[in-house]
């Protein structure tokens, strides 16, 4: 159910990509209290991106989930911005995160919906 898309202008080697995706997946699952086997993470690196008029290291994340509680977004923001800072050396103020709560009938899986 949870879907996390990470876009960054940073060039990352395969090992760094795998580590980041695994940590991101575990973070989302833990903080949302959902099984990690439902979490999908997509990472797009070396993107042409500009923020605040500069191409200094930056990231844009999209997190969508069924039943995403408003009360969880602050903690998720802190955790995901910290993850970007620790793993990619991106300052927290250079990461934007878009949160979206998906209605069950609008989320398909295994030939049906949730």
N, C-alpha and C. Protein backbone atom coordinates (compact mmCIF):
# COMPACT_ATOMS: atom_id res chain seq x y z
N UNK A 1 0.81 -1.19 0.00
CA UNK A 1 0.00 0.00 0.00
C UNK A 1 0.85 1.26 0.00
N UNK A 2 1.75 1.43 0.95
CA UNK A 2 2.56 2.65 0.90
C UNK A 2 3.48 2.65 -0.32
N UNK A 3 3.56 3.80 -0.96
CA UNK A 3 4.39 4.00 -2.15
C UNK A 3 5.24 5.24 -1.90
N UNK A 4 6.54 5.06 -1.97
CA UNK A 4 7.47 6.17 -1.77
C UNK A 4 8.31 6.33 -3.03
N UNK A 5 8.24 7.51 -3.61
CA UNK A 5 9.05 7.84 -4.78
C UNK A 5 10.08 8.89 -4.34
N UNK A 6 11.33 8.61 -4.60
CA UNK A 6 12.42 9.51 -4.26
C UNK A 6 13.08 9.96 -5.55
N UNK A 7 13.14 11.26 -5.74
CA UNK A 7 13.85 11.84 -6.88
C UNK A 7 14.96 12.74 -6.32
N UNK A 8 16.13 12.63 -6.90
CA UNK A 8 17.25 13.46 -6.46
C UNK A 8 18.13 13.81 -7.65
N UNK A 9 18.84 14.89 -7.50
CA UNK A 9 19.79 15.27 -8.55
C UNK A 9 21.16 14.64 -8.31
N UNK A 10 21.27 13.83 -7.28
CA UNK A 10 22.53 13.18 -6.95
C UNK A 10 22.76 11.92 -7.79
N UNK A 11 23.99 11.73 -8.21
CA UNK A 11 24.39 10.50 -8.91
C UNK A 11 24.79 9.50 -7.83
N UNK A 12 24.18 8.33 -7.82
CA UNK A 12 24.45 7.34 -6.78
C UNK A 12 24.86 6.01 -7.40
N UNK A 13 25.82 5.36 -6.78
CA UNK A 13 26.19 4.03 -7.24
C UNK A 13 25.12 3.03 -6.80
N UNK A 14 25.15 1.84 -7.38
CA UNK A 14 24.11 0.82 -7.14
C UNK A 14 24.01 0.44 -5.66
N UNK A 15 25.15 0.30 -5.00
CA UNK A 15 25.14 -0.08 -3.59
C UNK A 15 24.46 0.99 -2.74
N UNK A 16 24.78 2.24 -2.98
CA UNK A 16 24.17 3.35 -2.23
C UNK A 16 22.67 3.39 -2.50
N UNK A 17 22.28 3.14 -3.74
CA UNK A 17 20.85 3.12 -4.09
C UNK A 17 20.11 2.04 -3.31
N UNK A 18 20.69 0.85 -3.26
CA UNK A 18 20.04 -0.26 -2.56
C UNK A 18 19.92 0.00 -1.07
N UNK A 19 20.97 0.54 -0.47
CA UNK A 19 20.95 0.85 0.96
C UNK A 19 19.87 1.88 1.25
N UNK A 20 19.83 2.94 0.44
CA UNK A 20 18.84 3.99 0.64
C UNK A 20 17.42 3.45 0.51
N UNK A 21 17.16 2.66 -0.53
CA UNK A 21 15.81 2.14 -0.72
C UNK A 21 15.39 1.21 0.42
N UNK A 22 16.30 0.38 0.89
CA UNK A 22 15.98 -0.53 2.00
C UNK A 22 15.68 0.24 3.28
N UNK A 23 16.48 1.26 3.56
CA UNK A 23 16.25 2.07 4.76
C UNK A 23 14.95 2.85 4.64
N UNK A 24 14.67 3.37 3.46
CA UNK A 24 13.43 4.12 3.25
C UNK A 24 12.22 3.20 3.41
N UNK A 25 12.28 2.01 2.86
CA UNK A 25 11.19 1.06 2.97
C UNK A 25 10.91 0.70 4.43
N UNK A 26 11.96 0.41 5.17
CA UNK A 26 11.81 0.06 6.59
C UNK A 26 11.25 1.23 7.39
N UNK A 27 11.70 2.43 7.09
CA UNK A 27 11.22 3.62 7.80
C UNK A 27 9.73 3.83 7.58
N UNK A 28 9.30 3.76 6.33
CA UNK A 28 7.89 3.96 6.01
C UNK A 28 7.02 2.89 6.67
N UNK A 29 7.43 1.64 6.56
CA UNK A 29 6.66 0.54 7.16
C UNK A 29 6.53 0.73 8.67
N UNK A 30 7.62 1.02 9.31
CA UNK A 30 7.61 1.17 10.77
C UNK A 30 6.73 2.33 11.20
N UNK A 31 6.91 3.47 10.56
CA UNK A 31 6.18 4.65 11.01
C UNK A 31 4.69 4.60 10.68
N UNK A 32 4.33 3.88 9.63
CA UNK A 32 2.91 3.74 9.30
C UNK A 32 2.29 2.51 9.94
N UNK A 33 3.12 1.66 10.55
CA UNK A 33 2.60 0.45 11.17
C UNK A 33 2.03 -0.52 10.16
N UNK A 34 2.65 -0.56 8.99
CA UNK A 34 2.18 -1.45 7.92
C UNK A 34 3.26 -2.46 7.58
N UNK A 35 2.88 -3.65 7.11
CA UNK A 35 3.88 -4.66 6.75
C UNK A 35 4.78 -4.16 5.61
N UNK A 36 6.07 -4.37 5.76
CA UNK A 36 7.01 -3.91 4.74
C UNK A 36 6.80 -4.61 3.41
N UNK A 37 6.21 -5.81 3.42
CA UNK A 37 6.00 -6.51 2.15
C UNK A 37 4.97 -5.82 1.25
N UNK A 38 4.29 -4.77 1.75
CA UNK A 38 3.39 -3.97 0.92
C UNK A 38 4.01 -2.65 0.48
N UNK A 39 5.19 -2.31 0.99
CA UNK A 39 5.81 -1.02 0.70
C UNK A 39 6.56 -1.08 -0.64
N UNK A 40 6.33 -0.09 -1.49
CA UNK A 40 7.05 0.04 -2.75
C UNK A 40 7.87 1.32 -2.70
N UNK A 41 9.14 1.21 -3.09
CA UNK A 41 10.03 2.37 -3.14
C UNK A 41 10.63 2.47 -4.53
N UNK A 42 10.56 3.65 -5.09
CA UNK A 42 11.16 3.93 -6.39
C UNK A 42 12.16 5.04 -6.19
N UNK A 43 13.34 4.87 -6.77
CA UNK A 43 14.41 5.85 -6.65
C UNK A 43 14.85 6.29 -8.04
N UNK A 44 14.79 7.58 -8.28
CA UNK A 44 15.27 8.15 -9.54
C UNK A 44 16.41 9.09 -9.21
N UNK A 45 17.59 8.76 -9.71
CA UNK A 45 18.79 9.54 -9.40
C UNK A 45 19.23 10.35 -10.63
N UNK A 46 20.17 11.25 -10.40
CA UNK A 46 20.77 12.07 -11.45
C UNK A 46 19.72 12.82 -12.27
N UNK A 47 18.67 13.28 -11.60
CA UNK A 47 17.61 14.03 -12.26
C UNK A 47 18.04 15.49 -12.46
N UNK A 48 17.58 16.11 -13.52
CA UNK A 48 17.81 17.54 -13.72
C UNK A 48 16.83 18.27 -12.81
N UNK A 49 17.34 18.82 -11.71
CA UNK A 49 16.49 19.46 -10.73
C UNK A 49 17.13 20.75 -10.24
N UNK A 50 16.28 21.70 -9.88
CA UNK A 50 16.71 23.00 -9.39
C UNK A 50 15.79 23.38 -8.25
N UNK A 51 16.35 23.88 -7.16
CA UNK A 51 15.55 24.32 -6.02
C UNK A 51 16.19 25.57 -5.45
N UNK A 52 15.38 26.60 -5.25
CA UNK A 52 15.86 27.89 -4.73
C UNK A 52 16.95 28.48 -5.63
N UNK A 53 16.82 28.23 -6.91
CA UNK A 53 17.74 28.80 -7.88
C UNK A 53 19.09 28.15 -7.98
N UNK A 54 19.25 26.97 -7.36
CA UNK A 54 20.53 26.28 -7.38
C UNK A 54 20.35 24.77 -7.56
N UNK A 55 21.37 24.14 -8.12
CA UNK A 55 21.32 22.69 -8.28
C UNK A 55 22.13 21.97 -7.20
N UNK A 56 22.33 22.63 -6.07
CA UNK A 56 22.97 21.97 -4.92
C UNK A 56 22.15 20.72 -4.58
N UNK A 57 22.74 19.74 -3.89
CA UNK A 57 22.02 18.49 -3.59
C UNK A 57 20.60 18.74 -3.07
N UNK A 58 19.64 18.02 -3.68
CA UNK A 58 18.25 18.17 -3.29
C UNK A 58 17.49 16.88 -3.55
N UNK A 59 16.30 16.81 -2.96
CA UNK A 59 15.43 15.64 -3.15
C UNK A 59 13.97 16.05 -3.11
N UNK A 60 13.17 15.34 -3.87
CA UNK A 60 11.72 15.48 -3.85
C UNK A 60 11.15 14.09 -3.62
N UNK A 61 10.31 13.95 -2.60
CA UNK A 61 9.72 12.66 -2.26
C UNK A 61 8.21 12.74 -2.36
N UNK A 62 7.60 11.66 -2.78
CA UNK A 62 6.15 11.51 -2.77
C UNK A 62 5.83 10.27 -1.95
N UNK A 63 5.00 10.43 -0.93
CA UNK A 63 4.57 9.29 -0.13
C UNK A 63 3.06 9.20 -0.18
N UNK A 64 2.57 8.09 -0.73
CA UNK A 64 1.14 7.84 -0.83
C UNK A 64 0.83 6.56 -0.06
N UNK A 65 -0.29 6.58 0.64
CA UNK A 65 -0.67 5.39 1.39
C UNK A 65 -2.16 5.44 1.70
N UNK A 66 -2.76 4.28 1.79
CA UNK A 66 -4.15 4.18 2.21
C UNK A 66 -4.21 4.51 3.70
N UNK A 67 -5.09 5.42 4.05
CA UNK A 67 -5.27 5.75 5.46
C UNK A 67 -4.09 6.49 6.05
N UNK A 68 -3.42 7.30 5.27
CA UNK A 68 -2.28 8.07 5.78
C UNK A 68 -2.78 9.09 6.78
N UNK A 69 -2.50 8.91 8.06
CA UNK A 69 -3.02 9.85 9.06
C UNK A 69 -2.27 11.17 9.05
N UNK A 70 -3.02 12.26 9.15
CA UNK A 70 -2.40 13.58 9.21
C UNK A 70 -1.42 13.68 10.37
N UNK A 71 -1.72 12.98 11.43
CA UNK A 71 -0.87 13.03 12.62
C UNK A 71 0.51 12.40 12.39
N UNK A 72 0.65 11.61 11.33
CA UNK A 72 1.92 10.93 11.06
C UNK A 72 2.85 11.72 10.15
N UNK A 73 2.33 12.74 9.48
CA UNK A 73 3.14 13.42 8.47
C UNK A 73 4.33 14.19 9.07
N UNK A 74 4.18 14.77 10.22
CA UNK A 74 5.28 15.51 10.84
C UNK A 74 6.44 14.57 11.16
N UNK A 75 6.14 13.43 11.77
CA UNK A 75 7.17 12.45 12.12
C UNK A 75 7.80 11.86 10.87
N UNK A 76 6.97 11.56 9.87
CA UNK A 76 7.49 11.04 8.61
C UNK A 76 8.40 12.05 7.93
N UNK A 77 8.00 13.31 7.96
CA UNK A 77 8.82 14.36 7.35
C UNK A 77 10.19 14.42 8.03
N UNK A 78 10.20 14.40 9.35
CA UNK A 78 11.47 14.45 10.08
C UNK A 78 12.33 13.23 9.74
N UNK A 79 11.73 12.06 9.75
CA UNK A 79 12.48 10.83 9.50
C UNK A 79 13.03 10.77 8.07
N UNK A 80 12.20 11.12 7.10
CA UNK A 80 12.64 11.04 5.71
C UNK A 80 13.65 12.13 5.36
N UNK A 81 13.47 13.33 5.90
CA UNK A 81 14.47 14.38 5.68
C UNK A 81 15.80 14.01 6.33
N UNK A 82 15.74 13.40 7.50
CA UNK A 82 16.95 12.94 8.17
C UNK A 82 17.63 11.85 7.36
N UNK A 83 16.84 10.94 6.80
CA UNK A 83 17.39 9.88 5.96
C UNK A 83 18.11 10.46 4.75
N UNK A 84 17.51 11.44 4.09
CA UNK A 84 18.16 12.07 2.94
C UNK A 84 19.46 12.77 3.36
N UNK A 85 19.44 13.38 4.53
CA UNK A 85 20.64 14.05 5.04
C UNK A 85 21.75 13.05 5.35
N UNK A 86 21.40 11.96 6.01
CA UNK A 86 22.40 10.97 6.41
C UNK A 86 22.95 10.18 5.24
N UNK A 87 22.09 9.78 4.33
CA UNK A 87 22.51 8.90 3.24
C UNK A 87 23.03 9.65 2.02
N UNK A 88 22.50 10.87 1.77
CA UNK A 88 22.85 11.59 0.54
C UNK A 88 23.49 12.95 0.78
N UNK A 89 23.70 13.30 2.06
CA UNK A 89 24.25 14.61 2.40
C UNK A 89 23.42 15.76 1.84
N UNK A 90 22.10 15.59 1.86
CA UNK A 90 21.19 16.64 1.43
C UNK A 90 20.66 17.35 2.67
N UNK A 91 20.86 18.65 2.74
CA UNK A 91 20.36 19.40 3.89
C UNK A 91 18.85 19.26 3.97
N UNK A 92 18.34 19.19 5.20
CA UNK A 92 16.91 18.97 5.39
C UNK A 92 16.05 20.02 4.70
N UNK A 93 16.55 21.24 4.62
CA UNK A 93 15.76 22.30 3.99
C UNK A 93 15.85 22.25 2.46
N UNK A 94 16.45 21.20 1.92
CA UNK A 94 16.53 21.00 0.47
C UNK A 94 15.77 19.74 0.05
N UNK A 95 14.87 19.29 0.92
CA UNK A 95 14.02 18.13 0.62
C UNK A 95 12.56 18.55 0.77
N UNK A 96 11.79 18.35 -0.28
CA UNK A 96 10.34 18.53 -0.23
C UNK A 96 9.71 17.14 -0.20
N UNK A 97 8.58 17.02 0.52
CA UNK A 97 7.84 15.76 0.57
C UNK A 97 6.37 16.06 0.33
N UNK A 98 5.79 15.34 -0.60
CA UNK A 98 4.35 15.44 -0.85
C UNK A 98 3.68 14.21 -0.27
N UNK A 99 2.74 14.41 0.64
CA UNK A 99 2.00 13.31 1.26
C UNK A 99 0.62 13.22 0.62
N UNK A 100 0.15 11.99 0.39
CA UNK A 100 -1.19 11.80 -0.17
C UNK A 100 -1.84 10.58 0.47
N UNK A 101 -3.09 10.75 0.87
CA UNK A 101 -3.90 9.66 1.41
C UNK A 101 -4.73 9.11 0.26
N UNK A 102 -4.54 7.84 -0.06
CA UNK A 102 -5.26 7.22 -1.17
C UNK A 102 -6.49 6.47 -0.66
N UNK A 103 -7.67 6.76 -1.23
CA UNK A 103 -8.85 5.98 -0.87
C UNK A 103 -8.67 4.52 -1.30
N UNK A 104 -9.19 3.60 -0.52
CA UNK A 104 -9.01 2.16 -0.79
C UNK A 104 -9.46 1.78 -2.20
N UNK A 105 -10.56 2.32 -2.64
CA UNK A 105 -11.09 1.94 -3.96
C UNK A 105 -10.25 2.51 -5.11
N UNK A 106 -9.31 3.40 -4.81
CA UNK A 106 -8.45 3.99 -5.83
C UNK A 106 -7.05 3.39 -5.82
N UNK A 107 -6.86 2.30 -5.10
CA UNK A 107 -5.55 1.65 -4.97
C UNK A 107 -5.71 0.20 -5.39
N UNK A 108 -5.17 -0.14 -6.56
CA UNK A 108 -5.29 -1.51 -7.07
C UNK A 108 -4.11 -2.37 -6.70
N UNK A 109 -4.38 -3.66 -6.56
CA UNK A 109 -3.34 -4.65 -6.26
C UNK A 109 -3.89 -6.04 -6.49
N UNK A 110 -3.11 -6.91 -7.05
CA UNK A 110 -3.43 -8.32 -7.21
C UNK A 110 -4.78 -8.54 -7.92
N UNK A 111 -5.05 -7.69 -8.89
CA UNK A 111 -6.28 -7.83 -9.66
C UNK A 111 -7.52 -7.25 -9.03
N UNK A 112 -7.35 -6.58 -7.91
CA UNK A 112 -8.51 -5.97 -7.22
C UNK A 112 -8.10 -4.64 -6.63
N UNK A 113 -8.87 -4.21 -5.65
CA UNK A 113 -8.54 -2.99 -4.92
C UNK A 113 -8.55 -3.32 -3.43
N UNK A 114 -8.03 -2.39 -2.67
CA UNK A 114 -8.02 -2.60 -1.21
C UNK A 114 -9.34 -2.19 -0.60
